[in-house]
């Protein structure tokens, strides 16, 4: 019982858990398989669910904050290809809410993206192998009055279990190439399959010194709880035996004293004793 209470006290007072939204980054790739993108993201940060434009995400963030989160990440080009990519990641408490968020995302991101200085026109869709249920679109970007495409933008949207991923890739190339958007989506979906099941943003801390002190005290109390009652019972028994021994010794002393008094009363007077027995 003492050990059980000790474990309960340990998990209550020593080993503590707190919400760490930064852990959400473990569910996103930080280095893409696209070689023309820089290995290190230009931006990677967690965002509070309260800032979401989707009601289901806001409600989930209040109800279950350790299982709801938003993360944004972006990569810039490492050469003159002017390729840029970004992802918006949303984690929900259960697949049902993720499906609702996916539907809301399709309504918002399924439209033509708004990019600064660019006019976009839908050019078609494409499929991504290994990412079931994904929706991928191609848009021509025009930034000049000539009307000719200055490049292309690619959007990808899909869900895996509790996760909803929105991807945007911008390329200055005037040739359609969906390989960058596809490879990023495939790498991210593969990571989610490995890391998303059972994921939580609760971070548990276990202070070493406090844990050792608590363990020593708990063991001492447990040892005391085991040995002290036995010692106490033995001490009481020994005390009882000593008291009984004293009572028996007192009784023997009184018995001997009564015997001496009785003998003295029945002892014949000196003048009545036979000769030689004085």
Protein backbone atom coordinates (compact mmCIF):
# COMPACT_ATOMS: atom_id res chain seq x y z
CA UNK A 1 0.00 0.00 0.00
CA UNK A 2 2.83 2.38 0.84
CA UNK A 3 4.54 1.66 -2.49
CA UNK A 4 1.28 2.21 -4.39
CA UNK A 5 0.74 5.52 -2.63
CA UNK A 6 4.38 6.40 -3.33
CA UNK A 7 3.96 5.78 -7.05
CA UNK A 8 0.80 7.87 -7.09
CA UNK A 9 2.64 10.69 -5.32
CA UNK A 10 5.56 10.41 -7.72
CA UNK A 11 3.43 10.80 -10.83
CA UNK A 12 1.46 13.61 -9.16
CA UNK A 13 4.23 15.75 -7.69
CA UNK A 14 7.58 14.70 -9.23
CA UNK A 15 6.93 13.46 -12.76
CA UNK A 16 4.90 16.19 -14.44
CA UNK A 17 3.50 16.70 -17.94
CA UNK A 18 2.95 19.94 -19.79
CA UNK A 19 1.85 20.96 -23.28
CA UNK A 20 4.66 21.55 -25.75
CA UNK A 21 3.37 22.60 -29.18
CA UNK A 22 6.90 22.55 -30.54
CA UNK A 23 6.71 18.73 -30.50
CA UNK A 24 4.33 18.98 -33.44
CA UNK A 25 7.38 19.57 -35.63
CA UNK A 26 8.21 15.87 -35.29
CA UNK A 27 5.29 15.15 -37.62
CA UNK A 28 6.68 17.22 -40.49
CA UNK A 29 9.65 16.66 -42.73
CA UNK A 30 12.24 19.42 -42.30
CA UNK A 31 14.51 18.37 -45.12
CA UNK A 32 12.74 17.75 -48.40
CA UNK A 33 13.76 15.26 -51.10
CA UNK A 34 13.85 18.19 -53.55
CA UNK A 35 17.54 19.02 -54.00
CA UNK A 36 16.98 22.55 -55.33
CA UNK A 37 15.33 23.51 -52.03
CA UNK A 38 17.51 24.52 -49.09
CA UNK A 39 18.01 21.79 -46.52
CA UNK A 40 17.06 24.11 -43.67
CA UNK A 41 13.54 25.60 -43.71
CA UNK A 42 13.27 29.37 -43.89
CA UNK A 43 10.38 29.18 -41.43
CA UNK A 44 9.08 26.44 -39.15
CA UNK A 45 6.77 27.18 -36.25
CA UNK A 46 3.76 25.97 -34.33
CA UNK A 47 0.58 28.02 -34.44
CA UNK A 48 -2.18 28.10 -31.83
CA UNK A 49 -5.43 26.40 -32.94
CA UNK A 50 -7.28 29.52 -31.78
CA UNK A 51 -5.93 31.33 -34.86
CA UNK A 52 -7.49 28.84 -37.27
CA UNK A 53 -10.22 29.97 -39.65
CA UNK A 54 -11.97 26.61 -39.19
CA UNK A 55 -14.49 26.30 -36.35
CA UNK A 56 -13.83 22.59 -35.84
CA UNK A 57 -10.11 23.25 -35.23
CA UNK A 58 -10.81 26.05 -32.74
CA UNK A 59 -13.28 23.92 -30.79
CA UNK A 60 -10.94 20.93 -30.77
CA UNK A 61 -8.08 23.14 -29.56
CA UNK A 62 -10.10 24.22 -26.52
CA UNK A 63 -11.45 20.75 -25.75
CA UNK A 64 -8.30 18.69 -26.34
CA UNK A 65 -5.25 20.98 -26.62
CA UNK A 66 -2.69 18.17 -26.30
CA UNK A 67 -4.02 16.48 -29.44
CA UNK A 68 -4.81 19.54 -31.57
CA UNK A 69 -2.29 21.77 -33.30
CA UNK A 70 -1.19 23.69 -36.37
CA UNK A 71 2.30 23.86 -37.81
CA UNK A 72 3.67 25.90 -40.72
CA UNK A 73 6.90 25.28 -42.61
CA UNK A 74 8.49 26.84 -45.71
CA UNK A 75 11.56 26.22 -47.88
CA UNK A 76 13.37 28.55 -50.28
CA UNK A 77 15.38 27.75 -53.40
CA UNK A 78 19.07 26.92 -53.10
CA UNK A 79 19.85 28.10 -56.65
CA UNK A 80 18.42 30.29 -59.40
CA UNK A 81 15.48 27.98 -60.08
CA UNK A 82 13.33 30.20 -57.83
CA UNK A 83 11.46 27.21 -56.44
CA UNK A 84 9.62 27.74 -53.16
CA UNK A 85 7.51 25.36 -51.12
CA UNK A 86 5.42 25.43 -47.98
CA UNK A 87 3.12 23.24 -45.93
CA UNK A 88 0.28 23.90 -43.53
CA UNK A 89 -0.19 20.96 -41.14
CA UNK A 90 -3.26 20.51 -38.94
CA UNK A 91 -3.62 17.81 -36.27
CA UNK A 92 -7.06 16.93 -34.88
CA UNK A 93 -8.08 14.74 -31.90
CA UNK A 94 -9.78 12.09 -34.07
CA UNK A 95 -10.16 11.09 -37.75
CA UNK A 96 -13.79 12.30 -37.88
CA UNK A 97 -12.77 15.87 -37.05
CA UNK A 98 -9.88 15.57 -39.48
CA UNK A 99 -12.30 14.66 -42.27
CA UNK A 100 -14.39 17.73 -41.45
CA UNK A 101 -11.25 19.88 -41.50
CA UNK A 102 -10.24 18.36 -44.85
CA UNK A 103 -13.62 19.27 -46.31
CA UNK A 104 -13.27 22.84 -45.00
CA UNK A 105 -9.74 23.02 -46.39
CA UNK A 106 -10.91 21.84 -49.81
CA UNK A 107 -13.47 24.64 -49.87
CA UNK A 108 -10.84 27.25 -48.99
CA UNK A 109 -7.68 25.96 -50.68
CA UNK A 110 -9.46 24.29 -53.57
CA UNK A 111 -10.05 27.71 -55.01
CA UNK A 112 -7.39 29.53 -57.02
CA UNK A 113 -4.60 30.57 -54.59
CA UNK A 114 -3.93 34.25 -54.07
CA UNK A 115 -0.23 35.01 -54.58
CA UNK A 116 1.27 38.50 -54.33
CA UNK A 117 2.05 39.98 -57.75
CA UNK A 118 0.72 36.95 -59.61
CA UNK A 119 -2.47 36.10 -61.45
CA UNK A 120 -3.26 32.38 -61.34
CA UNK A 121 -5.32 30.30 -63.70
CA UNK A 122 -6.26 26.65 -63.14
CA UNK A 123 -4.61 24.30 -65.63
CA UNK A 124 -5.62 20.88 -64.39
CA UNK A 125 -5.12 18.20 -61.76
CA UNK A 126 -2.58 15.45 -61.22
CA UNK A 127 -2.31 12.33 -59.08
CA UNK A 128 0.33 11.46 -56.50
CA UNK A 129 1.35 7.82 -56.16
CA UNK A 130 1.41 6.52 -52.60
CA UNK A 131 -0.75 9.33 -51.18
CA UNK A 132 -4.31 7.99 -51.29
CA UNK A 133 -7.16 10.48 -51.30
CA UNK A 134 -4.93 13.40 -52.24
CA UNK A 135 -6.16 16.32 -54.34
CA UNK A 136 -3.47 17.97 -56.50
CA UNK A 137 -3.91 20.93 -58.83
CA UNK A 138 -1.76 22.93 -61.26
CA UNK A 139 -2.07 26.71 -61.77
CA UNK A 140 -0.33 28.94 -64.32
CA UNK A 141 1.19 32.09 -62.79
CA UNK A 142 1.21 35.31 -64.81
CA UNK A 143 2.88 38.42 -63.43
CA UNK A 144 3.20 40.53 -66.58
CA UNK A 145 0.78 42.04 -69.06
CA UNK A 146 1.97 39.72 -71.83
CA UNK A 147 -0.37 37.00 -70.67
CA UNK A 148 2.33 34.34 -70.95
CA UNK A 149 2.88 32.09 -67.94
CA UNK A 150 5.83 33.17 -65.78
CA UNK A 151 5.74 29.92 -63.89
CA UNK A 152 3.45 27.40 -62.23
CA UNK A 153 2.02 26.78 -58.78
CA UNK A 154 1.02 23.37 -57.45
CA UNK A 155 -1.32 22.67 -54.53
CA UNK A 156 -1.70 19.34 -52.76
CA UNK A 157 -4.27 18.51 -50.09
CA UNK A 158 -4.71 15.20 -48.28
CA UNK A 159 -5.52 13.57 -44.94
CA UNK A 160 -3.82 10.80 -43.01
CA UNK A 161 -5.75 9.57 -39.95
CA UNK A 162 -5.91 12.67 -37.68
CA UNK A 163 -3.66 14.85 -39.86
CA UNK A 164 -4.60 17.25 -42.66
CA UNK A 165 -1.79 18.56 -44.91
CA UNK A 166 -1.97 21.44 -47.37
CA UNK A 167 1.04 21.96 -49.64
CA UNK A 168 1.93 24.79 -52.01
CA UNK A 169 4.87 24.79 -54.44
CA UNK A 170 5.79 27.77 -56.63
CA UNK A 171 8.15 27.44 -59.57
CA UNK A 172 9.44 30.07 -62.00
CA UNK A 173 9.91 27.39 -64.64
CA UNK A 174 7.63 27.82 -67.64
CA UNK A 175 7.38 24.05 -68.00
CA UNK A 176 4.88 22.05 -65.98
CA UNK A 177 6.66 19.74 -63.54
CA UNK A 178 4.75 18.16 -60.67
CA UNK A 179 7.72 16.13 -59.38
CA UNK A 180 8.66 18.53 -56.55
CA UNK A 181 5.12 18.75 -55.17
CA UNK A 182 4.68 14.98 -55.47
CA UNK A 183 7.96 14.04 -53.77
CA UNK A 184 7.31 16.40 -50.84
CA UNK A 185 3.81 14.96 -50.35
CA UNK A 186 5.11 11.38 -50.53
CA UNK A 187 7.88 12.04 -47.99
CA UNK A 188 5.48 13.75 -45.59
CA UNK A 189 2.84 11.02 -45.87
CA UNK A 190 5.49 8.35 -45.21
CA UNK A 191 6.59 10.23 -42.07
CA UNK A 192 3.00 10.47 -40.82
CA UNK A 193 2.56 6.71 -41.19
CA UNK A 194 5.53 6.19 -38.88
CA UNK A 195 5.12 9.00 -36.35
CA UNK A 196 1.48 10.06 -36.16
CA UNK A 197 -0.13 7.02 -34.42
CA UNK A 198 -0.29 7.74 -30.68
CA UNK A 199 1.35 11.15 -31.04
CA UNK A 200 0.71 13.74 -28.31
CA UNK A 201 2.11 17.14 -27.52
CA UNK A 202 2.28 16.37 -23.79
CA UNK A 203 5.89 16.57 -22.65
CA UNK A 204 6.79 14.64 -19.49
CA UNK A 205 9.67 15.80 -17.28
CA UNK A 206 11.39 13.62 -14.68
CA UNK A 207 13.87 15.59 -12.49
CA UNK A 208 16.75 13.26 -11.59
CA UNK A 209 17.65 14.67 -8.14
CA UNK A 210 14.03 15.01 -7.03
CA UNK A 211 13.30 11.48 -8.29
CA UNK A 212 16.24 9.99 -6.35
CA UNK A 213 15.29 11.84 -3.16
CA UNK A 214 11.66 10.79 -3.51
CA UNK A 215 12.69 7.17 -4.16
CA UNK A 216 14.94 7.13 -1.08
CA UNK A 217 12.20 8.57 1.13
CA UNK A 218 9.60 6.20 -0.30
CA UNK A 219 11.84 3.17 0.30
CA UNK A 220 12.57 4.33 3.83
CA UNK A 221 8.88 4.77 4.56
CA UNK A 222 8.08 1.41 2.96
CA UNK A 223 10.80 -0.30 5.02
CA UNK A 224 9.49 1.41 8.13
CA UNK A 225 5.95 0.36 7.33
CA UNK A 226 7.16 -3.22 6.98
CA UNK A 227 9.55 -3.51 9.94
CA UNK A 228 8.20 -1.01 12.51
CA UNK A 229 4.87 -2.79 13.14
CA UNK A 230 6.69 -6.09 13.65
CA UNK A 231 9.22 -4.44 15.98
CA UNK A 232 6.43 -2.63 17.83
CA UNK A 233 4.47 -5.86 18.33
CA UNK A 234 7.62 -7.61 19.52
CA UNK A 235 8.42 -4.73 21.88
CA UNK A 236 4.91 -4.84 23.35
CA UNK A 237 5.15 -8.59 23.80
CA UNK A 238 8.53 -8.27 25.50
CA UNK A 239 7.16 -5.53 27.75
CA UNK A 240 4.16 -7.68 28.60
CA UNK A 241 6.43 -10.63 29.39
CA UNK A 242 8.61 -8.44 31.65
CA UNK A 243 5.51 -7.19 33.45
CA UNK A 244 4.23 -10.74 33.90
CA UNK A 245 7.67 -11.84 35.14
CA UNK A 246 7.64 -9.01 37.68
CA UNK A 247 4.17 -10.05 38.79
CA UNK A 248 5.31 -13.65 39.14
CA UNK A 249 8.43 -12.55 41.07
CA UNK A 250 6.29 -10.37 43.35
CA UNK A 251 3.93 -13.29 43.91
CA UNK A 252 6.82 -15.60 44.75
CA UNK A 253 8.28 -13.00 47.12
CA UNK A 254 4.93 -12.57 48.89
CA UNK A 255 4.51 -16.35 49.05
CA UNK A 256 7.94 -16.79 50.64
CA UNK A 257 7.24 -13.92 53.05
CA UNK A 258 3.93 -15.47 54.12
CA UNK A 259 5.70 -18.79 54.58
CA UNK A 260 8.31 -17.22 56.85
CA UNK A 261 5.66 -15.48 58.92
CA UNK A 262 3.69 -18.70 59.24
CA UNK A 263 6.75 -20.62 60.37
CA UNK A 264 7.61 -17.88 62.87
CA UNK A 265 4.11 -18.03 64.42
CA UNK A 266 4.24 -21.81 64.85
CA UNK A 267 7.82 -21.94 66.12
CA UNK A 268 8.02 -23.29 69.74
CA UNK A 269 9.31 -20.99 72.50
CA UNK A 270 12.93 -21.42 73.43
CA UNK A 271 12.13 -22.77 76.91
CA UNK A 272 9.87 -25.46 75.36
CA UNK A 273 12.40 -26.69 72.85
CA UNK A 274 14.16 -29.94 73.47
CA UNK A 275 17.66 -29.73 74.81
CA UNK A 276 20.27 -29.20 72.15
CA UNK A 277 17.90 -27.33 69.78
CA UNK A 278 18.34 -23.82 70.92
